[in-house]
Amino acid sequence: MRFPNHTIFLMLLAVLVSSCSGRNRSAKKYLSEAESAYIEGNYSLAKLKIDSIKILFPKSFDEINSGFNLMQEVRMAENLRNVQYCDSMLHENYSQLNEMLNNFDFIRDDRYQEFGEYYPKIYPHKASLNRNGLRSGVREKGSLFIESILSGSAIKHNQIRAVSDDGSYAETNIVTSDGLNYSFNTLEKAYEIVRYSGSDENGVAQYIYTHRDKPITLKFIGNRTISTTLSNDAKQGVSQSFELSNLLLSIEQLKLEKEKSEVLIRYLESRKE
């Protein structure tokens, strides 16, 4: 059975119109679902639905434009919520920080230090030279460091290992940098002090924090190895420094996230003007 040409044309036109209408209905459905997700505060789903409209229905221009406008609202709401969350967490963290700092002395020399350092009171920094062991501290912005102190023996140590009774251990990387690895002599004895921070610290503080209630042997590694038992005060001092470092780093990260959201909010507001 043959159809006249004009009939075939009308049939194709009907199929095309039906197809376009179906695509538009589907695009509208995605847009409606994006709007619902936005209202419910599910911003990730809202953005996913909006992005899908552009990919699946590239010729649904009205819905794409509406989706673009909705995306700006979603991004604004998302960042406003993030600022609110950061403010809430910062309030909680600063309250915890104020309490935690009671256990620390703050030291900063205005002549050459822009930022100071926190030292745990339980293991006094000034008295630490009187015994072989490990002292710790936290820079004002949250960076943790530990320092091994060996007196009376010249072994040129540049690494330490913390060993628990169960045989597990953690050790620093080797430190040779001037200023971080130094020695000096007094009339009474020789001293070696090595500071480990960043990647050189290599998780030793966390290890001590995890095993703080167990005996820990500290090994000074150099030309030969000297061992000592880490005192309870030293373990608690390192543990307190580890907790303070994590808290200060969390505060700095929250401040950064808040600032990023505030910058984006200002940008979105400028687009409305």
Protein backbone atom coordinates (compact mmCIF):
# COMPACT_ATOMS: atom_id res chain seq x y z
CA MET A 1 0.00 0.00 0.00
CA ARG A 2 1.45 3.30 -1.10
CA PHE A 3 0.82 6.63 0.57
CA PRO A 4 0.79 9.92 -1.26
CA ASN A 5 3.88 12.04 -0.72
CA HIS A 6 2.02 14.67 1.27
CA THR A 7 0.67 11.95 3.56
CA ILE A 8 4.17 10.61 4.22
CA PHE A 9 5.34 14.13 4.99
CA LEU A 10 2.50 14.64 7.47
CA MET A 11 3.25 11.31 9.13
CA LEU A 12 6.96 12.18 9.52
CA LEU A 13 6.05 15.60 10.86
CA ALA A 14 3.73 14.02 13.40
CA VAL A 15 6.47 11.64 14.55
CA LEU A 16 8.95 14.52 14.82
CA VAL A 17 6.53 16.70 16.79
CA SER A 18 5.70 13.78 19.05
CA SER A 19 9.40 13.08 19.60
CA CYS A 20 10.19 16.73 20.39
CA SER A 21 7.19 16.92 22.69
CA GLY A 22 8.38 13.79 24.48
CA ARG A 23 11.89 15.22 24.88
CA ASN A 24 10.49 18.46 26.27
CA ARG A 25 8.32 16.60 28.73
CA SER A 26 11.36 14.62 29.88
CA ALA A 27 13.45 17.77 30.19
CA LYS A 28 10.69 19.43 32.20
CA LYS A 29 10.58 16.39 34.46
CA TYR A 30 14.33 16.65 35.14
CA LEU A 31 13.95 20.37 35.85
CA SER A 32 11.03 19.70 38.20
CA GLU A 33 13.05 17.07 40.02
CA ALA A 34 15.97 19.51 40.31
CA GLU A 35 13.67 22.15 41.80
CA SER A 36 12.30 19.64 44.32
CA ALA A 37 15.82 18.56 45.33
CA TYR A 38 16.79 22.24 45.76
CA ILE A 39 13.80 22.91 48.01
CA GLU A 40 14.62 19.81 50.08
CA GLY A 41 18.24 20.95 50.47
CA ASN A 42 19.64 18.07 48.45
CA TYR A 43 21.97 20.29 46.45
CA SER A 44 24.12 17.50 45.03
CA LEU A 45 21.08 15.85 43.45
CA ALA A 46 19.78 19.19 42.20
CA LYS A 47 23.07 19.92 40.42
CA LEU A 48 23.13 16.41 38.96
CA LYS A 49 19.64 16.83 37.51
CA ILE A 50 20.46 20.25 36.06
CA ASP A 51 23.65 18.97 34.43
CA SER A 52 21.71 16.03 33.00
CA ILE A 53 19.31 18.35 31.16
CA LYS A 54 22.17 19.83 29.12
CA ILE A 55 23.56 16.38 28.33
CA LEU A 56 20.36 14.46 27.59
CA PHE A 57 18.26 17.24 26.06
CA PRO A 58 20.66 19.62 24.29
CA LYS A 59 17.83 21.20 22.26
CA SER A 60 15.53 21.91 25.23
CA PHE A 61 16.72 25.49 25.39
CA ASP A 62 14.03 26.80 27.74
CA GLU A 63 14.72 24.10 30.31
CA ILE A 64 18.49 24.53 29.92
CA ASN A 65 18.18 28.27 30.57
CA SER A 66 15.89 27.66 33.54
CA GLY A 67 18.35 25.08 34.81
CA PHE A 68 21.19 27.59 34.56
CA ASN A 69 19.28 30.10 36.68
CA LEU A 70 18.36 27.40 39.17
CA MET A 71 22.01 26.32 39.35
CA GLN A 72 22.99 29.80 40.57
CA GLU A 73 20.40 29.55 43.33
CA VAL A 74 21.61 26.09 44.25
CA ARG A 75 25.24 27.22 44.42
CA MET A 76 24.26 30.24 46.52
CA ALA A 77 22.25 28.13 48.97
CA GLU A 78 24.97 25.49 49.14
CA ASN A 79 27.66 28.01 50.02
CA LEU A 80 25.46 29.85 52.51
CA ARG A 81 24.89 26.53 54.24
CA ASN A 82 28.61 25.81 54.17
CA VAL A 83 29.40 29.15 55.81
CA GLN A 84 26.84 28.41 58.50
CA TYR A 85 28.33 24.96 59.07
CA CYS A 86 31.88 26.35 59.26
CA ASP A 87 30.81 29.02 61.75
CA SER A 88 29.16 26.38 63.93
CA MET A 89 32.20 24.09 63.85
CA LEU A 90 34.61 26.98 64.44
CA HIS A 91 32.62 28.06 67.50
CA GLU A 92 32.82 24.52 68.86
CA ASN A 93 36.50 24.12 68.00
CA TYR A 94 37.53 27.47 69.52
CA SER A 95 35.74 26.54 72.72
CA GLN A 96 37.68 23.27 72.79
CA LEU A 97 40.90 25.12 71.92
CA ASN A 98 40.55 27.57 74.82
CA GLU A 99 40.29 24.67 77.21
CA MET A 100 43.14 22.72 75.62
CA LEU A 101 45.56 25.67 75.68
CA ASN A 102 45.52 25.61 79.48
CA ASN A 103 47.93 22.69 79.16
CA PHE A 104 50.45 24.63 77.06
CA ASP A 105 52.95 27.46 77.31
CA PHE A 106 53.09 29.82 74.35
CA ILE A 107 56.55 31.03 73.34
CA ARG A 108 57.40 33.55 70.65
CA ASP A 109 60.48 35.71 70.22
CA ASP A 110 59.35 38.95 68.54
CA ARG A 111 62.85 39.52 67.19
CA TYR A 112 62.77 36.67 64.68
CA GLN A 113 59.50 34.74 64.98
CA GLU A 114 56.35 35.76 63.12
CA PHE A 115 54.40 32.92 64.72
CA GLY A 116 54.91 31.36 68.11
CA GLU A 117 54.95 27.78 69.33
CA TYR A 118 52.98 25.87 71.96
CA TYR A 119 54.83 23.58 74.38
CA PRO A 120 53.07 21.16 76.75
CA LYS A 121 53.44 22.15 80.39
CA ILE A 122 53.61 18.52 81.51
CA TYR A 123 57.03 18.21 79.86
CA PRO A 124 58.62 21.65 80.35
CA HIS A 125 60.64 22.82 77.38
CA LYS A 126 63.35 24.52 79.42
CA ALA A 127 63.92 21.53 81.69
CA SER A 128 64.00 19.02 78.83
CA LEU A 129 67.77 19.30 78.34
CA ASN A 130 68.33 17.65 81.69
CA ARG A 131 67.26 14.19 80.48
CA ASN A 132 67.46 12.05 77.39
CA GLY A 133 64.08 11.88 75.76
CA LEU A 134 61.57 13.41 73.42
CA ARG A 135 59.91 16.78 73.65
CA SER A 136 57.21 18.15 71.40
CA GLY A 137 55.51 21.32 70.32
CA VAL A 138 53.00 22.82 67.93
CA ARG A 139 53.43 25.86 65.74
CA GLU A 140 50.77 28.53 65.95
CA LYS A 141 49.14 27.43 62.69
CA GLY A 142 49.00 23.79 63.75
CA SER A 143 52.16 22.11 62.46
CA LEU A 144 53.46 19.48 64.88
CA PHE A 145 57.12 18.81 65.63
CA ILE A 146 59.02 16.52 67.97
CA GLU A 147 62.61 16.87 69.12
CA SER A 148 64.93 14.13 70.32
CA ILE A 149 67.42 15.21 72.99
CA LEU A 150 70.50 13.18 73.81
CA SER A 151 73.08 14.38 76.32
CA GLY A 152 76.37 12.95 77.49
CA SER A 153 76.91 10.76 74.42
CA ALA A 154 78.18 11.85 71.01
CA ILE A 155 76.72 9.45 68.46
CA LYS A 156 75.61 12.04 65.86
CA HIS A 157 72.09 10.65 65.89
CA ASN A 158 69.77 11.78 63.10
CA GLN A 159 66.83 9.42 63.52
CA ILE A 160 64.69 7.94 66.30
CA ARG A 161 62.50 4.88 66.65
CA ALA A 162 59.65 4.43 69.14
CA VAL A 163 59.15 0.76 70.03
CA SER A 164 56.30 -0.77 72.01
CA ASP A 165 56.42 -4.00 74.04
CA ASP A 166 54.39 -5.78 71.36
CA GLY A 167 57.25 -5.31 68.90
CA SER A 168 55.52 -2.68 66.77
CA TYR A 169 57.34 0.57 66.13
CA ALA A 170 57.41 3.85 64.26
CA GLU A 171 60.50 5.72 63.19
CA THR A 172 61.28 9.12 61.78
CA ASN A 173 63.06 9.76 58.54
CA ILE A 174 66.72 10.72 58.71
CA VAL A 175 67.25 14.44 59.36
CA THR A 176 70.50 16.06 58.27
CA SER A 177 69.42 19.67 57.58
CA ASP A 178 71.35 22.38 59.39
CA GLY A 179 69.20 24.04 62.02
CA LEU A 180 67.09 20.91 62.49
CA ASN A 181 69.97 18.66 63.48
CA TYR A 182 72.52 20.32 65.72
CA SER A 183 74.82 19.67 68.64
CA PHE A 184 76.70 21.77 71.18
CA ASN A 185 78.93 21.37 74.19
CA THR A 186 78.92 22.92 77.62
CA LEU A 187 81.54 22.63 80.33
CA GLU A 188 79.62 19.68 81.71
CA LYS A 189 78.50 17.60 78.73
CA ALA A 190 77.68 17.35 75.04
CA TYR A 191 74.16 17.68 73.65
CA GLU A 192 72.49 16.53 70.43
CA ILE A 193 69.07 17.87 69.43
CA VAL A 194 67.19 16.85 66.29
CA ARG A 195 63.83 18.28 65.22
CA TYR A 196 61.41 16.20 63.15
CA SER A 197 58.48 17.87 61.45
CA GLY A 198 56.33 17.35 58.39
CA SER A 199 57.25 14.22 56.46
CA ASP A 200 60.39 13.75 58.60
CA GLU A 201 58.23 13.15 61.69
CA ASN A 202 56.68 10.24 59.78
CA GLY A 203 53.82 9.44 62.19
CA VAL A 204 55.90 8.89 65.33
CA ALA A 205 53.75 11.29 67.37
CA GLN A 206 50.58 9.49 66.33
CA TYR A 207 52.18 6.17 67.24
CA ILE A 208 53.08 7.46 70.70
CA TYR A 209 49.57 8.89 71.07
CA THR A 210 48.07 5.49 70.22
CA HIS A 211 50.39 3.63 72.64
CA ARG A 212 50.58 6.31 75.33
CA ASP A 213 49.31 3.97 78.07
CA LYS A 214 51.95 1.33 77.29
CA PRO A 215 55.74 1.26 77.87
CA ILE A 216 57.63 2.74 74.93
CA THR A 217 61.34 2.48 74.28
CA LEU A 218 62.96 5.37 72.43
CA LYS A 219 66.00 4.54 70.31
CA PHE A 220 68.47 7.22 69.20
CA ILE A 221 70.00 6.07 65.90
CA GLY A 222 73.36 7.41 64.73
CA ASN A 223 76.89 6.01 64.66
CA ARG A 224 75.45 3.57 67.16
CA THR A 225 72.10 3.16 68.89
CA ILE A 226 71.25 4.30 72.42
CA SER A 227 67.95 3.37 74.04
CA THR A 228 65.93 4.91 76.85
CA THR A 229 62.46 4.41 78.25
CA LEU A 230 60.13 7.20 77.27
CA SER A 231 58.75 8.82 80.43
CA ASN A 232 55.01 9.11 81.06
CA ASP A 233 55.32 12.89 81.01
CA ALA A 234 57.00 12.78 77.60
CA LYS A 235 54.30 10.44 76.24
CA GLN A 236 51.55 12.66 77.57
CA GLY A 237 53.27 15.76 76.24
CA VAL A 238 53.53 14.28 72.74
CA SER A 239 49.92 13.10 72.95
CA GLN A 240 48.69 16.55 73.97
CA SER A 241 50.70 18.12 71.15
CA PHE A 242 49.23 15.64 68.68
CA GLU A 243 45.67 16.53 69.75
CA LEU A 244 46.38 20.27 69.67
CA SER A 245 47.92 20.01 66.21
CA ASN A 246 44.88 18.21 64.84
CA LEU A 247 42.55 20.78 66.34
CA LEU A 248 44.51 23.79 65.04
CA LEU A 249 44.79 22.25 61.57
CA SER A 250 41.04 21.60 61.59
CA ILE A 251 40.41 25.25 62.51
CA GLU A 252 42.67 26.45 59.70
CA GLN A 253 40.89 24.17 57.21
CA LEU A 254 37.46 25.40 58.33
CA LYS A 255 38.60 29.01 57.98
CA LEU A 256 39.82 28.26 54.47
CA GLU A 257 36.57 26.53 53.48
CA LYS A 258 34.54 29.41 54.88
CA GLU A 259 36.62 31.97 52.99
CA LYS A 260 36.22 30.05 49.71
CA SER A 261 32.44 29.95 50.16
CA GLU A 262 32.29 33.65 51.02
CA VAL A 263 34.27 34.52 47.88
CA LEU A 264 31.88 32.48 45.75
CA ILE A 265 28.86 34.07 47.42
CA ARG A 266 30.16 37.53 46.60
CA TYR A 267 30.73 36.43 43.01
CA LEU A 268 27.19 35.04 42.68
CA GLU A 269 25.73 38.21 44.19
CA SER A 270 27.68 40.33 41.68
CA ARG A 271 26.14 38.32 38.83
CA LYS A 272 22.67 39.39 39.97
CA GLU A 273 23.50 43.11 39.79
